[in-house]
Protein backbone atom coordinates (compact mmCIF):
# COMPACT_ATOMS: atom_id res chain seq x y z
CA MET A 1 14.42 8.81 8.96
CA GLY A 2 12.25 5.72 8.87
CA ILE A 3 9.37 5.08 11.26
CA LYS A 4 7.50 1.88 11.90
CA GLU A 5 4.32 1.36 13.93
CA ALA A 6 5.07 -1.27 16.57
CA ASN A 7 1.71 -2.98 16.14
CA SER A 8 2.23 -3.40 12.43
CA VAL A 9 5.31 -5.61 12.63
CA LYS A 10 4.64 -8.93 10.92
CA ARG A 11 4.54 -11.56 13.63
CA HIS A 12 6.37 -14.86 13.48
CA ARG A 13 4.94 -18.09 14.80
CA PHE A 14 5.06 -18.02 18.59
CA ILE A 15 7.45 -20.53 20.15
CA PRO A 16 7.01 -21.20 23.89
CA PRO A 17 10.11 -20.16 25.85
CA THR A 18 10.24 -23.56 27.61
CA ASP A 19 8.99 -27.09 26.97
CA TYR A 20 8.19 -27.56 30.66
CA TYR A 21 4.76 -26.87 32.20
CA ASP A 22 3.63 -27.65 35.72
CA GLU A 23 0.18 -29.15 35.16
CA ARG A 24 -0.76 -28.28 38.74
CA VAL A 25 -1.11 -24.62 37.76
CA ALA A 26 -3.37 -25.33 34.75
CA PRO A 27 -6.60 -24.70 36.74
CA ILE A 28 -5.14 -21.41 37.98
CA ASP A 29 -4.14 -20.39 34.46
CA GLU A 30 -7.62 -21.19 33.21
CA GLU A 31 -9.06 -19.06 36.01
CA LEU A 32 -6.79 -16.21 34.91
CA CYS A 33 -8.22 -16.49 31.39
CA ARG A 34 -11.76 -16.48 32.77
CA LEU A 35 -11.04 -13.37 34.86
CA ILE A 36 -9.47 -11.57 31.89
CA ARG A 37 -12.63 -12.32 29.87
CA GLN A 38 -14.80 -11.11 32.74
CA ARG A 39 -12.72 -7.93 33.01
CA LYS A 40 -13.10 -7.27 29.29
CA ASP A 41 -16.87 -7.80 29.36
CA GLN A 42 -17.34 -5.71 32.50
CA ALA A 43 -15.47 -2.75 31.02
CA ALA A 44 -17.02 -3.17 27.56
CA GLY A 45 -13.54 -3.12 26.03
CA SER A 46 -12.57 0.24 27.58
CA SER A 47 -10.94 -0.63 30.90
CA GLY A 48 -8.33 2.11 30.89
CA PHE A 49 -5.21 1.69 33.01
CA PRO A 50 -4.86 1.30 36.81
CA SER A 51 -3.53 4.35 38.63
CA PRO A 52 0.03 4.30 40.07
CA GLY A 53 -1.61 4.07 43.49
CA TYR A 54 -3.35 0.82 42.61
CA ILE A 55 -0.19 -0.58 40.98
CA GLY A 56 1.92 0.23 44.03
CA GLU A 57 -0.65 -1.20 46.44
CA TRP A 58 -1.09 -4.46 44.52
CA ALA A 59 2.66 -4.86 44.02
CA GLU A 60 3.22 -4.58 47.77
CA THR A 61 0.25 -6.80 48.70
CA TYR A 62 1.05 -9.63 46.31
CA GLY A 63 4.83 -9.39 46.16
CA PHE A 64 5.35 -8.21 42.55
CA TYR A 65 7.56 -5.57 40.97
CA PRO A 66 5.46 -2.53 39.94
CA ASP A 67 6.92 -2.57 36.41
CA PHE A 68 5.90 -6.22 36.04
CA LEU A 69 2.28 -5.30 36.80
CA ASN A 70 2.54 -2.30 34.47
CA SER A 71 3.60 -4.60 31.63
CA ILE A 72 0.70 -7.00 32.27
CA PHE A 73 -1.93 -4.26 32.18
CA ALA A 74 -0.27 -2.67 29.15
CA HIS A 75 -0.75 -5.94 27.23
CA LEU A 76 -4.38 -6.14 28.36
CA LEU A 77 -4.89 -2.63 27.05
CA ASN A 78 -3.59 -3.51 23.59
CA GLU A 79 -5.29 -6.81 22.77
CA GLU A 80 -6.08 -5.71 19.21
CA ALA A 81 -2.37 -5.80 18.37
CA TYR A 82 -2.56 -9.61 18.42
CA ARG A 83 -5.29 -10.08 15.82
CA PRO A 84 -4.47 -12.65 13.11
CA VAL A 85 -2.51 -11.03 10.31
CA VAL A 86 -3.98 -11.08 6.78
CA GLU A 87 -1.31 -11.06 4.08
CA PRO A 88 -2.48 -9.62 0.72
CA LYS A 89 -2.39 -12.23 -2.04
CA GLY A 90 -3.26 -12.20 -5.73
CA PHE A 91 -2.54 -8.69 -7.01
CA VAL A 92 -5.48 -7.30 -9.03
CA GLY A 93 -4.51 -3.71 -9.79
CA ASN A 94 -4.18 -0.15 -8.53
CA LEU A 95 -7.32 1.89 -7.81
CA PRO A 96 -6.82 5.69 -8.13
CA VAL A 97 -8.47 7.61 -5.28
CA MET A 98 -6.91 11.09 -5.16
CA LYS A 99 -8.81 12.35 -2.12
CA SER A 100 -7.33 14.92 0.25
CA PHE A 101 -7.93 16.94 3.42
CA GLU A 102 -6.13 20.08 4.57
CA LYS A 103 -5.82 21.51 8.07
CA GLY A 104 -3.53 24.42 8.81
CA GLU A 105 -0.09 23.58 7.49
CA SER A 106 -0.84 19.85 7.18
CA PHE A 107 -2.06 18.15 4.00
CA PHE A 108 -3.44 14.60 4.10
CA SER A 109 -4.19 12.45 1.07
CA VAL A 110 -5.04 8.96 -0.17
CA PRO A 111 -3.54 8.82 -3.68
CA PHE A 112 -4.45 5.20 -4.46
CA ILE A 113 -5.47 1.80 -3.13
CA ARG A 114 -3.66 -1.34 -4.18
CA GLN A 115 -6.20 -4.11 -4.77
CA PHE A 116 -5.64 -7.82 -4.04
CA GLU A 117 -7.99 -10.78 -4.19
CA ASN A 118 -8.27 -11.10 -0.39
CA ALA A 119 -7.47 -7.57 0.78
CA SER A 120 -6.80 -3.95 -0.10
CA VAL A 121 -3.73 -1.87 0.78
CA VAL A 122 -4.64 1.76 1.47
CA HIS A 123 -1.87 4.35 1.00
CA PHE A 124 -2.15 7.40 3.27
CA HIS A 125 0.19 10.39 2.97
CA MET A 126 0.76 13.31 5.31
CA ASP A 127 2.73 16.44 4.41
CA ARG A 128 3.31 19.18 6.92
CA VAL A 129 5.55 22.16 7.60
CA LEU A 130 7.79 21.28 10.51
CA PRO A 131 8.24 24.03 13.12
CA ASP A 132 11.98 23.42 13.35
CA GLU A 133 13.65 21.64 10.44
CA ALA A 134 16.94 21.63 12.37
CA ALA A 135 15.54 19.50 15.18
CA GLY A 136 16.86 15.95 15.28
CA PRO A 137 14.51 13.00 14.67
CA HIS A 138 14.49 12.05 18.34
CA GLU A 139 13.52 15.57 19.40
CA ARG A 140 10.20 15.52 17.52
CA GLU A 141 7.12 13.80 18.84
CA HIS A 142 5.55 11.39 16.37
CA THR A 143 1.95 10.30 16.28
CA PHE A 144 0.35 7.66 14.12
CA PHE A 145 -3.03 7.15 12.52
CA ASN A 146 -5.33 4.15 12.85
CA LEU A 147 -7.71 3.46 9.99
CA GLU A 148 -11.39 2.57 10.31
CA VAL A 149 -13.55 1.73 7.31
CA GLN A 150 -17.19 2.62 7.86
CA SER A 151 -19.63 0.84 5.58
CA GLU A 152 -23.30 -0.05 5.67
CA GLY A 153 -23.84 -3.75 6.21
CA ARG A 154 -20.19 -4.85 6.10
CA GLU A 155 -17.32 -4.87 8.56
CA TYR A 156 -13.67 -4.50 7.63
CA ASP A 157 -10.53 -5.37 9.55
CA CYS A 158 -7.85 -2.66 9.29
CA ARG A 159 -4.20 -3.15 10.19
CA ASN A 160 -1.50 -0.50 10.18
CA ASP A 161 1.26 -2.01 8.05
CA GLY A 162 3.84 0.61 8.94
CA GLY A 163 5.22 3.73 7.35
CA SER A 164 8.20 5.91 6.67
CA GLY A 165 8.96 9.57 6.32
CA SER A 166 11.39 12.46 6.41
CA GLN A 167 11.42 16.26 6.32
CA GLY A 168 7.69 16.68 6.85
CA HIS A 169 6.49 13.94 4.49
CA PHE A 170 5.10 10.70 5.92
CA ALA A 171 3.58 7.73 4.12
CA TYR A 172 1.57 4.94 5.78
CA THR A 173 0.00 1.76 4.46
CA TYR A 174 -2.96 -0.16 5.86
CA VAL A 175 -4.11 -3.68 5.04
CA VAL A 176 -7.91 -3.87 4.84
CA SER A 177 -9.72 -7.18 4.64
CA PRO A 178 -11.84 -8.26 2.92
CA ALA A 179 -10.96 -6.27 -0.20
CA LEU A 180 -12.71 -2.93 -0.62
CA PRO A 181 -15.14 -2.53 -3.54
CA GLU A 182 -13.85 -0.53 -6.48
CA ASP A 183 -16.82 1.81 -6.13
CA GLY A 184 -15.73 4.05 -3.27
CA SER A 185 -19.17 5.58 -2.69
CA GLY A 186 -20.24 2.79 -0.32
CA TYR A 187 -17.67 3.34 2.42
CA ARG A 188 -15.69 6.01 4.27
CA LEU A 189 -12.03 5.98 5.28
CA ILE A 190 -11.49 7.49 8.73
CA PHE A 191 -7.95 7.99 10.00
CA ARG A 192 -7.74 8.66 13.75
CA GLU A 193 -4.56 10.08 15.25
CA VAL A 194 -3.10 8.24 18.26
CA GLU A 195 -0.08 8.67 20.47
CA THR A 196 2.35 5.81 20.94
CA PRO A 197 3.06 3.44 22.52
CA TYR A 198 -0.42 2.82 23.97
CA GLN A 199 -2.66 4.03 21.15
CA LYS A 200 -4.01 7.02 23.10
CA PRO A 201 -6.39 9.02 20.84
CA THR A 202 -5.56 12.70 20.36
CA GLY A 203 -9.10 13.54 19.20
CA PHE A 204 -7.99 14.50 15.68
CA GLU A 205 -9.25 12.53 12.69
CA VAL A 206 -9.23 12.74 8.91
CA GLU A 207 -12.18 11.47 6.85
CA LEU A 208 -11.66 10.76 3.16
């Protein structure tokens, strides 16, 4: 069974669905952008999601389908998925890491990091004993892990580049830019578990 994080899919160049635009709505569209920025600043990036009561009320007041409003606010909640994608270029070599963390029947590890001139690709593995090996792939709930690199004096962009797995073994890769230093003592790799599709944190994390 293969699994792929939706946010990690490599994006193609966006092509507008139509070549027509009514210039009369441009001031309104700009006001929408201003309000979205104001909303983001007001909530300090943690706006949450409107309750079904609000969605139903606004849909009735302004003549929209509730699911249409749900989709709009879902996109606002997941802005980070649209960050520019950094593609690793100029392979340098493989950096052995061999760090691990164990909790209960789950074993997490970072065996190595693939180094490029402009980025690093972190390999993260998870092995666990499944409660019911006979259960079909669609009967099991899957969570994913987001990576954060904590370092003094430097910020890193981390992108989940997808993963695959079967029978209790899962492997994920993350593109980190700029490239990580070969000396791993200056940073920490923190993997935070989230539920899909809206990146809801479970509270569990692995630090390696």
